[in-house]
Amino acid sequence: MGGEATTVSSIVLIPGYRNMRIRRCVKAPLKMYNNIKNSQNTSVENFTEVFLMRKYIAAVLACLSLCALMLPALADSSAPVAENFEFETYRGVSFGGRLAAVDPEGDAVSFEITTQPKKGSIELSDDGSFVYSPIDGKRGRDYFGYKAIDADGNRSQEATVIIRLVKNKSVSYVDMGGSASYCSAVRLAECGAFIGKQIGGDYYFEPQKTLSRGEFTAMCLNVAGENMLRGVVSTGFTDDGSIPDWQRAYVASAVKDGVVKGREGAVFDAGADISRAEAAVMLDRLLSLADVSCADTAAVPTWAAQSAANLDACGIASLESVDSSPLTHAEAADMLAAAMDVLARR
């Protein structure tokens, strides 16, 4: 039999061969081919076997080469897809957000910043949440790029986060620099829903201070632009006498609109800290959100589970955050700013 001998080494030229388990596809028939070819049998049957075996091996090698050429495209199709975002914040005012990506295989993903912003700095946490802090005096637009990485190390194409820096027409808080909730706090002040404490010429938001039920009720109705009842003499609650005068119109209006129902029916308890769960129920009623599928979550009280799911579905509050802990100024600002976004989209 004439012709050049074929050996296993001839297939290492296939791209990616050394990283693929393809030797098994060709090694056995190739060995059989060499045995037949090198035998002393010169019969027609032996020649036919050699001819067919060479055709088979050539077809296998062609298929493997094609598969190897397709590997990069297949790898790209299994990589996560990172989402583009566009945000707005005030000049010199930090804000927080969360990066997002979809993995075709449903794997958890991590994130990395691939292009740094030019007009500010970015702090990225392991869960994809970030805080962007613009440099004082910068205006216009800024951006940064990021990629998502799945468990196998596949990286997404770079996604872009665009930030518009707009003029702050309200207040600046001396205790909110670098806070993820700073922009939300300024938005509340801008719409007149809540302005922090002023000491001398400085404003303090007191982000970790808790809110009372009466305060949060007033903030909710201001954010929603609800019309207040006038000339309110009594709210109808048995503890009406303990409700501050400035809160009575808000509480009475909230009762009329079905936003609040009090504790144990007849008691409003205006001065008590409002919990995250109570705030979620109040916002859910205020916005008249559509009910979504609701799963049991240990941290969420049963009576607040549906409201927590509704707020989570529209990006106002994460499901796991709606628990019995007292609501802080910073948390309230983020919830109410997100509620403003929901109202703006209607």
Protein backbone atom coordinates (compact mmCIF):
# COMPACT_ATOMS: atom_id res chain seq x y z
CA MET A 1 0.00 0.00 0.00
CA GLY A 2 1.51 3.32 -1.05
CA GLY A 3 1.12 6.74 0.41
CA GLU A 4 2.28 8.59 3.51
CA ALA A 5 1.53 6.96 6.83
CA THR A 6 -1.10 8.66 9.02
CA THR A 7 -0.32 9.07 12.71
CA VAL A 8 -2.13 10.38 15.76
CA SER A 9 0.17 13.40 15.87
CA SER A 10 -1.38 14.75 12.69
CA ILE A 11 -4.53 15.80 14.53
CA VAL A 12 -2.88 18.05 17.09
CA LEU A 13 -3.17 20.83 14.52
CA ILE A 14 -6.89 20.99 15.25
CA PRO A 15 -7.51 24.21 17.23
CA GLY A 16 -8.19 23.43 20.87
CA TYR A 17 -7.33 19.75 20.47
CA ARG A 18 -5.12 19.59 23.54
CA ASN A 19 -7.96 21.00 25.65
CA MET A 20 -10.61 18.65 24.24
CA ARG A 21 -11.33 14.98 24.81
CA ILE A 22 -11.40 14.19 21.12
CA ARG A 23 -8.52 11.70 20.94
CA ARG A 24 -10.99 8.91 21.72
CA CYS A 25 -12.95 9.78 18.58
CA VAL A 26 -10.02 9.08 16.25
CA LYS A 27 -7.39 7.11 18.14
CA ALA A 28 -9.06 3.69 17.92
CA PRO A 29 -9.99 3.83 14.22
CA LEU A 30 -6.59 5.36 13.44
CA LYS A 31 -4.81 2.49 15.16
CA MET A 32 -6.98 0.01 13.27
CA TYR A 33 -6.18 1.80 10.01
CA ASN A 34 -2.41 1.63 10.64
CA ASN A 35 -2.62 -2.07 11.54
CA ILE A 36 -4.51 -2.86 8.35
CA LYS A 37 -2.25 -0.71 6.21
CA ASN A 38 0.97 -2.20 7.58
CA SER A 39 -0.22 -5.78 7.32
CA GLN A 40 1.08 -8.15 4.61
CA ASN A 41 -2.45 -8.79 3.35
CA THR A 42 -2.74 -7.42 -0.19
CA SER A 43 -6.24 -8.67 -0.88
CA VAL A 44 -8.95 -6.49 -2.38
CA GLU A 45 -10.85 -6.72 0.91
CA ASN A 46 -7.87 -5.32 2.81
CA PHE A 47 -7.43 -2.50 0.29
CA THR A 48 -11.13 -1.65 0.57
CA GLU A 49 -10.91 -1.56 4.38
CA VAL A 50 -7.92 0.81 4.25
CA PHE A 51 -9.68 3.05 1.75
CA LEU A 52 -12.89 3.24 3.79
CA MET A 53 -10.97 3.76 7.03
CA ARG A 54 -9.06 6.68 5.52
CA LYS A 55 -12.35 8.21 4.38
CA TYR A 56 -13.81 7.73 7.88
CA ILE A 57 -10.82 9.33 9.61
CA ALA A 58 -10.81 12.25 7.16
CA ALA A 59 -14.51 12.86 7.89
CA VAL A 60 -13.93 12.68 11.67
CA LEU A 61 -11.03 15.13 11.46
CA ALA A 62 -13.10 17.53 9.35
CA CYS A 63 -15.96 17.44 11.87
CA LEU A 64 -13.61 17.96 14.80
CA SER A 65 -11.93 20.89 13.06
CA LEU A 66 -15.33 22.49 12.47
CA CYS A 67 -16.33 21.96 16.11
CA ALA A 68 -13.06 23.47 17.30
CA LEU A 69 -13.59 26.55 15.14
CA MET A 70 -17.03 26.95 16.68
CA LEU A 71 -15.76 26.78 20.27
CA PRO A 72 -15.21 30.55 20.68
CA ALA A 73 -18.75 31.27 19.50
CA LEU A 74 -20.15 28.59 21.80
CA ALA A 75 -18.20 30.03 24.72
CA ASP A 76 -19.57 33.51 23.99
CA SER A 77 -23.13 32.19 23.92
CA SER A 78 -22.73 30.74 27.43
CA ALA A 79 -21.23 33.93 28.91
CA PRO A 80 -23.39 36.21 31.07
CA VAL A 81 -25.10 39.24 29.57
CA ALA A 82 -24.49 42.41 31.61
CA GLU A 83 -27.13 45.14 31.68
CA ASN A 84 -26.59 48.76 30.67
CA PHE A 85 -27.85 51.44 33.05
CA GLU A 86 -28.41 55.18 33.09
CA PHE A 87 -28.66 57.10 36.36
CA GLU A 88 -28.98 60.67 37.48
CA THR A 89 -27.51 62.31 40.56
CA TYR A 90 -26.74 65.80 41.74
CA ARG A 91 -23.37 67.47 41.37
CA GLY A 92 -21.21 66.51 44.30
CA VAL A 93 -23.84 64.05 45.60
CA SER A 94 -23.06 60.32 45.82
CA PHE A 95 -25.63 57.67 45.00
CA GLY A 96 -25.94 53.92 45.17
CA GLY A 97 -27.11 51.31 42.71
CA ARG A 98 -26.78 47.65 41.84
CA LEU A 99 -25.26 46.04 38.75
CA ALA A 100 -27.16 43.24 37.06
CA ALA A 101 -26.58 40.45 34.56
CA VAL A 102 -28.34 37.39 33.21
CA ASP A 103 -26.48 34.09 32.95
CA PRO A 104 -27.83 31.65 30.31
CA GLU A 105 -27.19 28.71 32.62
CA GLY A 106 -28.63 30.40 35.69
CA ASP A 107 -25.29 30.54 37.52
CA ALA A 108 -24.47 33.17 40.10
CA VAL A 109 -22.29 35.95 38.72
CA SER A 110 -19.74 38.36 40.11
CA PHE A 111 -18.78 41.75 38.72
CA GLU A 112 -15.65 43.71 37.92
CA ILE A 113 -15.14 47.34 36.94
CA THR A 114 -13.37 47.42 33.58
CA THR A 115 -13.50 51.15 32.81
CA GLN A 116 -13.15 53.64 35.64
CA PRO A 117 -15.26 56.84 35.73
CA LYS A 118 -13.46 60.08 34.89
CA LYS A 119 -15.51 62.52 36.99
CA GLY A 120 -15.85 60.51 40.16
CA SER A 121 -14.96 57.31 41.97
CA ILE A 122 -16.72 53.96 42.23
CA GLU A 123 -16.86 51.50 45.12
CA LEU A 124 -18.10 48.02 44.20
CA SER A 125 -19.27 45.39 46.69
CA ASP A 126 -19.27 41.62 46.17
CA ASP A 127 -23.05 41.53 45.69
CA GLY A 128 -22.93 43.99 42.78
CA SER A 129 -24.05 47.03 44.77
CA PHE A 130 -21.99 50.14 44.20
CA VAL A 131 -21.58 53.72 45.36
CA TYR A 132 -20.60 56.40 42.85
CA SER A 133 -19.19 59.64 44.28
CA PRO A 134 -18.75 62.53 41.82
CA ILE A 135 -15.87 64.94 42.25
CA ASP A 136 -16.99 68.35 43.52
CA GLY A 137 -17.45 70.83 40.70
CA LYS A 138 -17.88 68.21 37.97
CA ARG A 139 -20.92 68.44 35.73
CA GLY A 140 -22.33 66.90 32.57
CA ARG A 141 -22.10 63.15 32.04
CA ASP A 142 -19.83 60.47 33.38
CA TYR A 143 -19.71 56.73 32.82
CA PHE A 144 -18.01 53.54 33.86
CA GLY A 145 -17.87 50.06 32.36
CA TYR A 146 -18.20 46.66 33.97
CA LYS A 147 -18.31 42.97 33.12
CA ALA A 148 -20.12 40.04 34.68
CA ILE A 149 -18.25 36.79 35.39
CA ASP A 150 -19.90 33.39 35.83
CA ALA A 151 -18.70 30.43 37.90
CA ASP A 152 -16.66 29.06 34.95
CA GLY A 153 -14.83 32.34 34.43
CA ASN A 154 -16.76 33.34 31.29
CA ARG A 155 -16.90 37.12 31.00
CA SER A 156 -19.68 39.18 29.48
CA GLN A 157 -19.21 41.95 26.97
CA GLU A 158 -18.59 45.26 28.71
CA ALA A 159 -21.75 47.03 29.82
CA THR A 160 -21.93 50.77 30.37
CA VAL A 161 -23.34 52.75 33.28
CA ILE A 162 -24.04 56.37 32.35
CA ILE A 163 -24.42 58.99 35.09
CA ARG A 164 -25.88 62.43 34.48
CA LEU A 165 -24.76 65.09 36.94
CA VAL A 166 -27.49 67.71 37.43
CA LYS A 167 -27.64 70.89 39.48
CA ASN A 168 -28.65 70.53 43.13
CA LYS A 169 -31.45 73.03 43.76
CA SER A 170 -32.03 71.93 47.32
CA VAL A 171 -29.74 71.26 50.29
CA SER A 172 -26.39 69.59 50.84
CA TYR A 173 -25.92 67.38 53.89
CA VAL A 174 -22.60 67.44 55.71
CA ASP A 175 -23.14 63.92 57.08
CA MET A 176 -23.97 62.16 53.80
CA GLY A 177 -20.74 62.36 51.80
CA GLY A 178 -20.00 59.02 50.11
CA SER A 179 -23.35 57.55 51.21
CA ALA A 180 -25.35 55.41 48.80
CA SER A 181 -28.50 57.20 50.05
CA TYR A 182 -27.27 60.77 49.58
CA CYS A 183 -29.05 61.32 46.26
CA SER A 184 -32.29 59.90 47.68
CA ALA A 185 -32.04 62.26 50.65
CA VAL A 186 -31.65 65.29 48.37
CA ARG A 187 -34.61 64.17 46.27
CA LEU A 188 -36.81 64.11 49.37
CA ALA A 189 -35.71 67.63 50.26
CA GLU A 190 -36.29 68.81 46.70
CA CYS A 191 -39.92 67.65 46.70
CA GLY A 192 -40.50 68.95 50.23
CA ALA A 193 -41.10 65.52 51.76
CA PHE A 194 -38.31 65.68 54.32
CA ILE A 195 -35.51 68.11 55.14
CA GLY A 196 -32.99 67.19 57.79
CA LYS A 197 -31.89 69.16 60.81
CA GLN A 198 -30.22 72.53 60.34
CA ILE A 199 -27.50 73.55 62.79
CA GLY A 200 -26.04 76.93 61.98
CA GLY A 201 -25.54 77.00 58.24
CA ASP A 202 -25.20 73.22 57.85
CA TYR A 203 -27.82 70.55 57.21
CA TYR A 204 -27.70 67.08 58.76
CA PHE A 205 -29.74 64.17 57.43
CA GLU A 206 -28.94 61.84 60.35
CA PRO A 207 -29.08 58.72 58.14
CA GLN A 208 -29.07 56.17 60.98
CA LYS A 209 -31.79 57.86 63.04
CA THR A 210 -35.11 56.00 63.12
CA LEU A 211 -38.44 57.39 61.93
CA SER A 212 -41.76 57.46 63.77
CA ARG A 213 -45.00 56.16 62.28
CA GLY A 214 -46.39 59.68 62.09
CA GLU A 215 -43.29 61.05 60.34
CA PHE A 216 -43.23 58.32 57.73
CA THR A 217 -46.96 58.75 57.05
CA ALA A 218 -46.39 62.45 56.32
CA MET A 219 -43.41 61.68 54.08
CA CYS A 220 -45.38 59.11 52.08
CA LEU A 221 -48.27 61.46 51.36
CA ASN A 222 -45.93 64.31 50.42
CA VAL A 223 -44.04 62.09 47.97
CA ALA A 224 -47.30 60.92 46.38
CA GLY A 225 -48.65 64.48 46.15
CA GLU A 226 -51.87 63.53 47.92
CA ASN A 227 -54.40 66.25 48.75
CA MET A 228 -54.61 66.77 52.51
CA LEU A 229 -57.84 67.03 54.46
CA ARG A 230 -58.32 70.46 55.98
CA GLY A 231 -59.66 71.43 59.37
CA VAL A 232 -59.06 68.00 60.89
CA VAL A 233 -60.26 67.96 64.49
CA SER A 234 -59.82 64.26 65.19
CA THR A 235 -58.25 61.32 63.38
CA GLY A 236 -60.65 58.85 64.97
CA PHE A 237 -57.92 56.90 66.78
CA THR A 238 -58.22 56.44 70.53
CA ASP A 239 -54.75 57.93 71.00
CA ASP A 240 -55.60 60.98 68.89
CA GLY A 241 -54.49 63.29 71.69
CA SER A 242 -50.89 62.03 71.42
CA ILE A 243 -50.65 62.71 67.67
CA PRO A 244 -48.75 65.99 67.02
CA ASP A 245 -50.94 68.72 65.56
CA TRP A 246 -48.93 68.97 62.33
CA GLN A 247 -49.37 65.23 61.70
CA ARG A 248 -53.17 65.05 62.17
CA ALA A 249 -54.07 66.08 58.63
CA TYR A 250 -51.63 63.51 57.21
CA VAL A 251 -52.89 60.71 59.44
CA ALA A 252 -56.55 61.50 58.75
CA SER A 253 -55.90 61.68 55.00
CA ALA A 254 -53.99 58.39 55.10
CA VAL A 255 -56.89 56.73 56.93
CA LYS A 256 -59.36 58.06 54.35
CA ASP A 257 -57.23 56.71 51.49
CA GLY A 258 -56.75 53.33 53.16
CA VAL A 259 -52.99 53.81 53.56
CA VAL A 260 -52.95 53.28 57.35
CA LYS A 261 -55.21 51.29 59.63
CA GLY A 262 -53.48 51.69 62.97
CA ARG A 263 -52.13 49.14 65.40
CA GLU A 264 -54.75 46.80 66.81
CA GLY A 265 -57.40 48.81 65.00
CA ALA A 266 -58.02 51.79 67.26
CA VAL A 267 -54.47 52.92 68.13
CA PHE A 268 -52.20 54.75 65.69
CA ASP A 269 -49.13 55.08 67.92
CA ALA A 270 -47.72 58.05 66.01
CA GLY A 271 -44.56 58.42 68.09
CA ALA A 272 -43.44 54.78 67.89
CA ASP A 273 -40.67 53.73 65.52
CA ILE A 274 -42.04 52.40 62.25
CA SER A 275 -40.63 49.05 61.16
CA ARG A 276 -39.45 48.19 57.68
CA ALA A 277 -42.38 45.80 57.34
CA GLU A 278 -44.93 48.45 58.37
CA ALA A 279 -43.37 50.92 55.94
CA ALA A 280 -43.61 48.34 53.15
CA VAL A 281 -47.32 47.75 53.78
CA MET A 282 -47.97 51.50 53.86
CA LEU A 283 -46.14 52.11 50.58
CA ASP A 284 -47.84 49.14 48.93
CA ARG A 285 -51.25 50.59 49.78
CA LEU A 286 -50.23 54.12 48.80
CA LEU A 287 -49.05 53.01 45.34
CA SER A 288 -51.84 50.44 44.82
CA LEU A 289 -49.31 47.94 43.52
CA ALA A 290 -50.48 44.81 41.72
CA ASP A 291 -50.02 41.60 43.70
CA VAL A 292 -47.28 39.27 42.49
CA SER A 293 -46.42 35.71 43.41
CA CYS A 294 -45.52 35.63 47.09
CA ALA A 295 -43.15 33.11 48.69
CA ASP A 296 -42.61 32.60 52.41
CA THR A 297 -39.51 34.35 53.75
CA ALA A 298 -38.43 33.82 57.34
CA ALA A 299 -37.41 37.45 57.94
CA VAL A 300 -40.67 38.94 56.64
CA PRO A 301 -43.70 38.97 58.97
CA THR A 302 -46.60 37.01 57.51
CA TRP A 303 -48.90 40.05 57.42
CA ALA A 304 -46.31 41.97 55.34
CA ALA A 305 -45.31 39.16 52.96
CA GLN A 306 -47.50 40.24 50.02
CA SER A 307 -46.46 43.88 50.31
CA ALA A 308 -42.80 42.88 50.54
CA ALA A 309 -43.11 40.81 47.36
CA ASN A 310 -44.87 43.67 45.55
CA LEU A 311 -42.18 46.20 46.52
CA ASP A 312 -39.41 43.78 45.57
CA ALA A 313 -40.98 43.22 42.13
CA CYS A 314 -40.91 46.93 41.28
CA GLY A 315 -37.50 47.67 42.79
CA ILE A 316 -38.56 49.67 45.85
CA ALA A 317 -37.15 47.32 48.49
CA SER A 318 -35.47 43.92 48.40
CA LEU A 319 -37.51 41.08 49.84
CA GLU A 320 -34.97 40.18 52.51
CA SER A 321 -34.81 43.77 53.82
CA VAL A 322 -38.49 43.91 54.79
CA ASP A 323 -38.26 42.74 58.39
CA SER A 324 -39.26 44.01 61.84
CA SER A 325 -36.22 46.26 62.29
CA PRO A 326 -36.87 50.00 62.79
CA LEU A 327 -36.71 52.02 59.57
CA THR A 328 -33.86 54.55 59.38
CA HIS A 329 -33.78 57.90 57.60
CA ALA A 330 -31.46 56.49 54.92
CA GLU A 331 -33.64 53.42 54.30
CA ALA A 332 -36.78 55.55 54.13
CA ALA A 333 -35.11 57.90 51.64
CA ASP A 334 -34.19 55.02 49.33
CA MET A 335 -37.67 53.48 49.51
CA LEU A 336 -39.44 56.77 48.88
CA ALA A 337 -37.10 57.79 46.05
CA ALA A 338 -37.79 54.44 44.37
CA ALA A 339 -41.52 54.99 44.92
CA MET A 340 -41.18 58.37 43.18
CA ASP A 341 -39.66 56.56 40.20
CA VAL A 342 -42.60 54.15 40.10
CA LEU A 343 -45.06 57.05 40.16
CA ALA A 344 -43.11 58.88 37.43
CA ARG A 345 -43.39 55.86 35.10
CA ARG A 346 -47.18 55.83 35.29
